[in-house]
Amino acid sequence: MRDQKVTRFSVGMPRLDLIEENTKMVRNFKPLRSEEMMQMSEALSGKNKMALDHYFHHHYDQFAGS
């Protein structure tokens, strides 16, 4: 394993089977194609805007000393 580059490290995994499952997912990872990224971005942008609008609807900025 010394010749492989470590790109992620997870601290606090409670069980070996979880580490093995995560390792399997990382090894099988395939990046999304540009078209898939665009579709996901478009699908999420409206939901993100709605969530952000909801968050800021009753939001009040409070600064130190105010």
PDB file of N, CA and C in Angstrom:
ATOM      1  N   MET A   1       0.820  -1.203   0.000  1.00  0.00           N
ATOM      2  CA  MET A   1       0.000   0.000   0.000  1.00  0.00           C
ATOM      3  C   MET A   1       0.857   1.258   0.000  1.00  0.00           C
ATOM      4  N   ARG A   2       2.126   1.145   0.205  1.00  0.00           N
ATOM      5  CA  ARG A   2       2.998   2.319   0.245  1.00  0.00           C
ATOM      6  C   ARG A   2       3.049   3.067  -1.078  1.00  0.00           C
ATOM      7  N   ASP A   3       2.843   2.385  -2.185  1.00  0.00           N
ATOM      8  CA  ASP A   3       2.933   3.033  -3.487  1.00  0.00           C
ATOM      9  C   ASP A   3       1.655   3.763  -3.874  1.00  0.00           C
ATOM     10  N   GLN A   4       0.597   3.642  -3.068  1.00  0.00           N
ATOM     11  CA  GLN A   4      -0.658   4.315  -3.380  1.00  0.00           C
ATOM     12  C   GLN A   4      -0.737   5.637  -2.626  1.00  0.00           C
ATOM     13  N   LYS A   5      -1.254   6.643  -3.301  1.00  0.00           N
ATOM     14  CA  LYS A   5      -1.396   7.964  -2.711  1.00  0.00           C
ATOM     15  C   LYS A   5      -2.662   8.011  -1.849  1.00  0.00           C
ATOM     16  N   VAL A   6      -2.540   8.470  -0.622  1.00  0.00           N
ATOM     17  CA  VAL A   6      -3.694   8.634   0.256  1.00  0.00           C
ATOM     18  C   VAL A   6      -4.314   9.989  -0.046  1.00  0.00           C
ATOM     19  N   THR A   7      -5.612   9.983  -0.405  1.00  0.00           N
ATOM     20  CA  THR A   7      -6.294  11.247  -0.705  1.00  0.00           C
ATOM     21  C   THR A   7      -7.356  11.598   0.339  1.00  0.00           C
ATOM     22  N   ARG A   8      -7.774  10.631   1.127  1.00  0.00           N
ATOM     23  CA  ARG A   8      -8.752  10.877   2.189  1.00  0.00           C
ATOM     24  C   ARG A   8      -8.412  10.007   3.379  1.00  0.00           C
ATOM     25  N   PHE A   9      -8.755  10.509   4.548  1.00  0.00           N
ATOM     26  CA  PHE A   9      -8.534   9.744   5.759  1.00  0.00           C
ATOM     27  C   PHE A   9      -9.705  10.010   6.672  1.00  0.00           C
ATOM     28  N   SER A  10     -10.289   8.978   7.217  1.00  0.00           N
ATOM     29  CA  SER A  10     -11.459   9.115   8.074  1.00  0.00           C
ATOM     30  C   SER A  10     -11.094   8.716   9.501  1.00  0.00           C
ATOM     31  N   VAL A  11     -11.261   9.630  10.406  1.00  0.00           N
ATOM     32  CA  VAL A  11     -10.963   9.360  11.807  1.00  0.00           C
ATOM     33  C   VAL A  11     -12.260   8.993  12.516  1.00  0.00           C
ATOM     34  N   GLY A  12     -12.195   7.991  13.356  1.00  0.00           N
ATOM     35  CA  GLY A  12     -13.340   7.657  14.183  1.00  0.00           C
ATOM     36  C   GLY A  12     -14.304   6.661  13.588  1.00  0.00           C
ATOM     37  N   MET A  13     -13.908   5.926  12.569  1.00  0.00           N
ATOM     38  CA  MET A  13     -14.774   4.878  12.028  1.00  0.00           C
ATOM     39  C   MET A  13     -14.840   3.764  13.068  1.00  0.00           C
ATOM     40  N   PRO A  14     -16.028   3.463  13.562  1.00  0.00           N
ATOM     41  CA  PRO A  14     -16.137   2.537  14.687  1.00  0.00           C
ATOM     42  C   PRO A  14     -15.961   1.048  14.338  1.00  0.00           C
ATOM     43  N   ARG A  15     -16.127   0.706  13.052  1.00  0.00           N
ATOM     44  CA  ARG A  15     -16.062  -0.713  12.704  1.00  0.00           C
ATOM     45  C   ARG A  15     -15.295  -0.912  11.411  1.00  0.00           C
ATOM     46  N   LEU A  16     -14.595  -2.029  11.330  1.00  0.00           N
ATOM     47  CA  LEU A  16     -13.811  -2.359  10.150  1.00  0.00           C
ATOM     48  C   LEU A  16     -14.692  -2.491   8.910  1.00  0.00           C
ATOM     49  N   ASP A  17     -15.900  -3.047   9.050  1.00  0.00           N
ATOM     50  CA  ASP A  17     -16.770  -3.213   7.882  1.00  0.00           C
ATOM     51  C   ASP A  17     -17.163  -1.869   7.269  1.00  0.00           C
ATOM     52  N   LEU A  18     -17.278  -0.828   8.086  1.00  0.00           N
ATOM     53  CA  LEU A  18     -17.595   0.505   7.559  1.00  0.00           C
ATOM     54  C   LEU A  18     -16.413   1.072   6.782  1.00  0.00           C
ATOM     55  N   ILE A  19     -15.214   0.842   7.287  1.00  0.00           N
ATOM     56  CA  ILE A  19     -14.019   1.286   6.580  1.00  0.00           C
ATOM     57  C   ILE A  19     -13.913   0.561   5.241  1.00  0.00           C
ATOM     58  N   GLU A  20     -14.161  -0.741   5.246  1.00  0.00           N
ATOM     59  CA  GLU A  20     -14.096  -1.527   4.012  1.00  0.00           C
ATOM     60  C   GLU A  20     -15.146  -1.066   3.007  1.00  0.00           C
ATOM     61  N   GLU A  21     -16.351  -0.774   3.490  1.00  0.00           N
ATOM     62  CA  GLU A  21     -17.420  -0.298   2.600  1.00  0.00           C
ATOM     63  C   GLU A  21     -17.050   1.051   1.985  1.00  0.00           C
ATOM     64  N   ASN A  22     -16.531   1.958   2.813  1.00  0.00           N
ATOM     65  CA  ASN A  22     -16.121   3.273   2.304  1.00  0.00           C
ATOM     66  C   ASN A  22     -14.982   3.142   1.309  1.00  0.00           C
ATOM     67  N   THR A  23     -14.036   2.255   1.593  1.00  0.00           N
ATOM     68  CA  THR A  23     -12.919   2.027   0.681  1.00  0.00           C
ATOM     69  C   THR A  23     -13.410   1.503  -0.654  1.00  0.00           C
ATOM     70  N   LYS A  24     -14.368   0.590  -0.621  1.00  0.00           N
ATOM     71  CA  LYS A  24     -14.935   0.043  -1.858  1.00  0.00           C
ATOM     72  C   LYS A  24     -15.610   1.144  -2.683  1.00  0.00           C
ATOM     73  N   MET A  25     -16.367   2.029  -2.009  1.00  0.00           N
ATOM     74  CA  MET A  25     -17.032   3.121  -2.721  1.00  0.00           C
ATOM     75  C   MET A  25     -16.018   4.053  -3.370  1.00  0.00           C
ATOM     76  N   VAL A  26     -14.947   4.361  -2.666  1.00  0.00           N
ATOM     77  CA  VAL A  26     -13.929   5.256  -3.209  1.00  0.00           C
ATOM     78  C   VAL A  26     -13.241   4.613  -4.411  1.00  0.00           C
ATOM     79  N   ARG A  27     -12.923   3.342  -4.308  1.00  0.00           N
ATOM     80  CA  ARG A  27     -12.257   2.659  -5.416  1.00  0.00           C
ATOM     81  C   ARG A  27     -13.145   2.573  -6.653  1.00  0.00           C
ATOM     82  N   ASN A  28     -14.460   2.497  -6.464  1.00  0.00           N
ATOM     83  CA  ASN A  28     -15.397   2.379  -7.584  1.00  0.00           C
ATOM     84  C   ASN A  28     -15.923   3.729  -8.059  1.00  0.00           C
ATOM     85  N   PHE A  29     -15.450   4.805  -7.455  1.00  0.00           N
ATOM     86  CA  PHE A  29     -15.937   6.146  -7.789  1.00  0.00           C
ATOM     87  C   PHE A  29     -15.635   6.490  -9.246  1.00  0.00           C
ATOM     88  N   LYS A  30     -16.642   7.022  -9.907  1.00  0.00           N
ATOM     89  CA  LYS A  30     -16.486   7.526 -11.267  1.00  0.00           C
ATOM     90  C   LYS A  30     -17.096   8.930 -11.284  1.00  0.00           C
ATOM     91  N   PRO A  31     -16.344   9.928 -11.728  1.00  0.00           N
ATOM     92  CA  PRO A  31     -16.873  11.294 -11.757  1.00  0.00           C
ATOM     93  C   PRO A  31     -18.074  11.404 -12.701  1.00  0.00           C
ATOM     94  N   LEU A  32     -18.939  12.338 -12.396  1.00  0.00           N
ATOM     95  CA  LEU A  32     -20.083  12.598 -13.264  1.00  0.00           C
ATOM     96  C   LEU A  32     -19.615  13.232 -14.564  1.00  0.00           C
ATOM     97  N   ARG A  33     -20.327  12.936 -15.636  1.00  0.00           N
ATOM     98  CA  ARG A  33     -20.067  13.612 -16.906  1.00  0.00           C
ATOM     99  C   ARG A  33     -20.569  15.054 -16.800  1.00  0.00           C
ATOM    100  N   SER A  34     -20.093  15.903 -17.683  1.00  0.00           N
ATOM    101  CA  SER A  34     -20.490  17.319 -17.666  1.00  0.00           C
ATOM    102  C   SER A  34     -22.005  17.474 -17.730  1.00  0.00           C
ATOM    103  N   GLU A  35     -22.646  16.666 -18.580  1.00  0.00           N
ATOM    104  CA  GLU A  35     -24.105  16.744 -18.721  1.00  0.00           C
ATOM    105  C   GLU A  35     -24.797  16.375 -17.405  1.00  0.00           C
ATOM    106  N   GLU A  36     -24.292  15.356 -16.732  1.00  0.00           N
ATOM    107  CA  GLU A  36     -24.883  14.937 -15.459  1.00  0.00           C
ATOM    108  C   GLU A  36     -24.699  16.018 -14.392  1.00  0.00           C
ATOM    109  N   MET A  37     -23.528  16.655 -14.381  1.00  0.00           N
ATOM    110  CA  MET A  37     -23.293  17.738 -13.420  1.00  0.00           C
ATOM    111  C   MET A  37     -24.246  18.901 -13.663  1.00  0.00           C
ATOM    112  N   MET A  38     -24.471  19.233 -14.937  1.00  0.00           N
ATOM    113  CA  MET A  38     -25.371  20.335 -15.274  1.00  0.00           C
ATOM    114  C   MET A  38     -26.804  20.003 -14.850  1.00  0.00           C
ATOM    115  N   GLN A  39     -27.240  18.778 -15.111  1.00  0.00           N
ATOM    116  CA  GLN A  39     -28.590  18.363 -14.717  1.00  0.00           C
ATOM    117  C   GLN A  39     -28.757  18.435 -13.204  1.00  0.00           C
ATOM    118  N   MET A  40     -27.762  17.970 -12.473  1.00  0.00           N
ATOM    119  CA  MET A  40     -27.832  18.000 -11.016  1.00  0.00           C
ATOM    120  C   MET A  40     -27.838  19.440 -10.509  1.00  0.00           C
ATOM    121  N   SER A  41     -27.003  20.269 -11.100  1.00  0.00           N
ATOM    122  CA  SER A  41     -26.941  21.671 -10.708  1.00  0.00           C
ATOM    123  C   SER A  41     -28.289  22.357 -10.914  1.00  0.00           C
ATOM    124  N   GLU A  42     -28.892  22.120 -12.068  1.00  0.00           N
ATOM    125  CA  GLU A  42     -30.189  22.736 -12.358  1.00  0.00           C
ATOM    126  C   GLU A  42     -31.274  22.217 -11.421  1.00  0.00           C
ATOM    127  N   ALA A  43     -31.248  20.924 -11.134  1.00  0.00           N
ATOM    128  CA  ALA A  43     -32.260  20.339 -10.253  1.00  0.00           C
ATOM    129  C   ALA A  43     -32.125  20.862  -8.825  1.00  0.00           C
ATOM    130  N   LEU A  44     -30.903  21.071  -8.381  1.00  0.00           N
ATOM    131  CA  LEU A  44     -30.680  21.499  -7.001  1.00  0.00           C
ATOM    132  C   LEU A  44     -30.758  23.004  -6.812  1.00  0.00           C
ATOM    133  N   SER A  45     -30.513  23.773  -7.855  1.00  0.00           N
ATOM    134  CA  SER A  45     -30.448  25.223  -7.687  1.00  0.00           C
ATOM    135  C   SER A  45     -31.761  25.795  -7.159  1.00  0.00           C
ATOM    136  N   GLY A  46     -32.885  25.340  -7.688  1.00  0.00           N
ATOM    137  CA  GLY A  46     -34.175  25.821  -7.193  1.00  0.00           C
ATOM    138  C   GLY A  46     -34.429  25.428  -5.760  1.00  0.00           C
ATOM    139  N   LYS A  47     -34.078  24.195  -5.413  1.00  0.00           N
ATOM    140  CA  LYS A  47     -34.259  23.727  -4.035  1.00  0.00           C
ATOM    141  C   LYS A  47     -33.349  24.485  -3.082  1.00  0.00           C
ATOM    142  N   ASN A  48     -32.113  24.745  -3.519  1.00  0.00           N
ATOM    143  CA  ASN A  48     -31.189  25.492  -2.676  1.00  0.00           C
ATOM    144  C   ASN A  48     -31.662  26.923  -2.474  1.00  0.00           C
ATOM    145  N   LYS A  49     -32.185  27.532  -3.534  1.00  0.00           N
ATOM    146  CA  LYS A  49     -32.688  28.894  -3.416  1.00  0.00           C
ATOM    147  C   LYS A  49     -33.857  28.940  -2.444  1.00  0.00           C
ATOM    148  N   MET A  50     -34.763  27.964  -2.527  1.00  0.00           N
ATOM    149  CA  MET A  50     -35.908  27.931  -1.628  1.00  0.00           C
ATOM    150  C   MET A  50     -35.440  27.757  -0.176  1.00  0.00           C
ATOM    151  N   ALA A  51     -34.471  26.883   0.049  1.00  0.00           N
ATOM    152  CA  ALA A  51     -33.963  26.663   1.403  1.00  0.00           C
ATOM    153  C   ALA A  51     -33.279  27.928   1.930  1.00  0.00           C
ATOM    154  N   LEU A  52     -32.510  28.586   1.068  1.00  0.00           N
ATOM    155  CA  LEU A  52     -31.830  29.811   1.482  1.00  0.00           C
ATOM    156  C   LEU A  52     -32.833  30.919   1.774  1.00  0.00           C
ATOM    157  N   ASP A  53     -33.850  31.064   0.933  1.00  0.00           N
ATOM    158  CA  ASP A  53     -34.908  32.049   1.186  1.00  0.00           C
ATOM    159  C   ASP A  53     -35.599  31.763   2.513  1.00  0.00           C
ATOM    160  N   HIS A  54     -35.878  30.496   2.781  1.00  0.00           N
ATOM    161  CA  HIS A  54     -36.527  30.111   4.041  1.00  0.00           C
ATOM    162  C   HIS A  54     -35.624  30.456   5.229  1.00  0.00           C
ATOM    163  N   TYR A  55     -34.328  30.169   5.098  1.00  0.00           N
ATOM    164  CA  TYR A  55     -33.389  30.466   6.189  1.00  0.00           C
ATOM    165  C   TYR A  55     -33.350  31.955   6.489  1.00  0.00           C
ATOM    166  N   PHE A  56     -33.259  32.785   5.445  1.00  0.00           N
ATOM    167  CA  PHE A  56     -33.116  34.216   5.654  1.00  0.00           C
ATOM    168  C   PHE A  56     -34.434  34.933   5.931  1.00  0.00           C
ATOM    169  N   HIS A  57     -35.551  34.240   5.795  1.00  0.00           N
ATOM    170  CA  HIS A  57     -36.853  34.878   6.029  1.00  0.00           C
ATOM    171  C   HIS A  57     -36.933  35.464   7.440  1.00  0.00           C
ATOM    172  N   HIS A  58     -36.433  34.729   8.429  1.00  0.00           N
ATOM    173  CA  HIS A  58     -36.478  35.206   9.816  1.00  0.00           C
ATOM    174  C   HIS A  58     -35.073  35.411  10.388  1.00  0.00           C
ATOM    175  N   HIS A  59     -34.090  35.518   9.528  1.00  0.00           N
ATOM    176  CA  HIS A  59     -32.714  35.642   9.986  1.00  0.00           C
ATOM    177  C   HIS A  59     -32.433  37.066  10.457  1.00  0.00           C
ATOM    178  N   TYR A  60     -31.660  37.152  11.517  1.00  0.00           N
ATOM    179  CA  TYR A  60     -31.251  38.447  12.043  1.00  0.00           C
ATOM    180  C   TYR A  60     -29.758  38.387  12.296  1.00  0.00           C
ATOM    181  N   ASP A  61     -28.991  39.264  11.634  1.00  0.00           N
ATOM    182  CA  ASP A  61     -27.546  39.328  11.876  1.00  0.00           C
ATOM    183  C   ASP A  61     -27.290  39.993  13.206  1.00  0.00           C
ATOM    184  N   GLN A  62     -26.486  39.351  14.003  1.00  0.00           N
ATOM    185  CA  GLN A  62     -26.127  39.924  15.296  1.00  0.00           C
ATOM    186  C   GLN A  62     -24.609  39.993  15.361  1.00  0.00           C
ATOM    187  N   PHE A  63     -24.112  41.176  15.565  1.00  0.00           N
ATOM    188  CA  PHE A  63     -22.668  41.393  15.620  1.00  0.00           C
ATOM    189  C   PHE A  63     -22.224  41.602  17.052  1.00  0.00           C
ATOM    190  N   ALA A  64     -21.001  41.267  17.332  1.00  0.00           N
ATOM    191  CA  ALA A  64     -20.448  41.471  18.666  1.00  0.00           C
ATOM    192  C   ALA A  64     -20.549  42.947  19.027  1.00  0.00           C
ATOM    193  N   GLY A  65     -21.011  43.210  20.226  1.00  0.00           N
ATOM    194  CA  GLY A  65     -21.123  44.593  20.683  1.00  0.00           C
ATOM    195  C   GLY A  65     -22.419  45.260  20.308  1.00  0.00           C
ATOM    196  N   SER A  66     -23.310  44.556  19.609  1.00  0.00           N
ATOM    197  CA  SER A  66     -24.576  45.209  19.230  1.00  0.00           C
ATOM    198  C   SER A  66     -25.715  44.653  20.040  1.00  0.00           C
TER     199      SER A  66
END
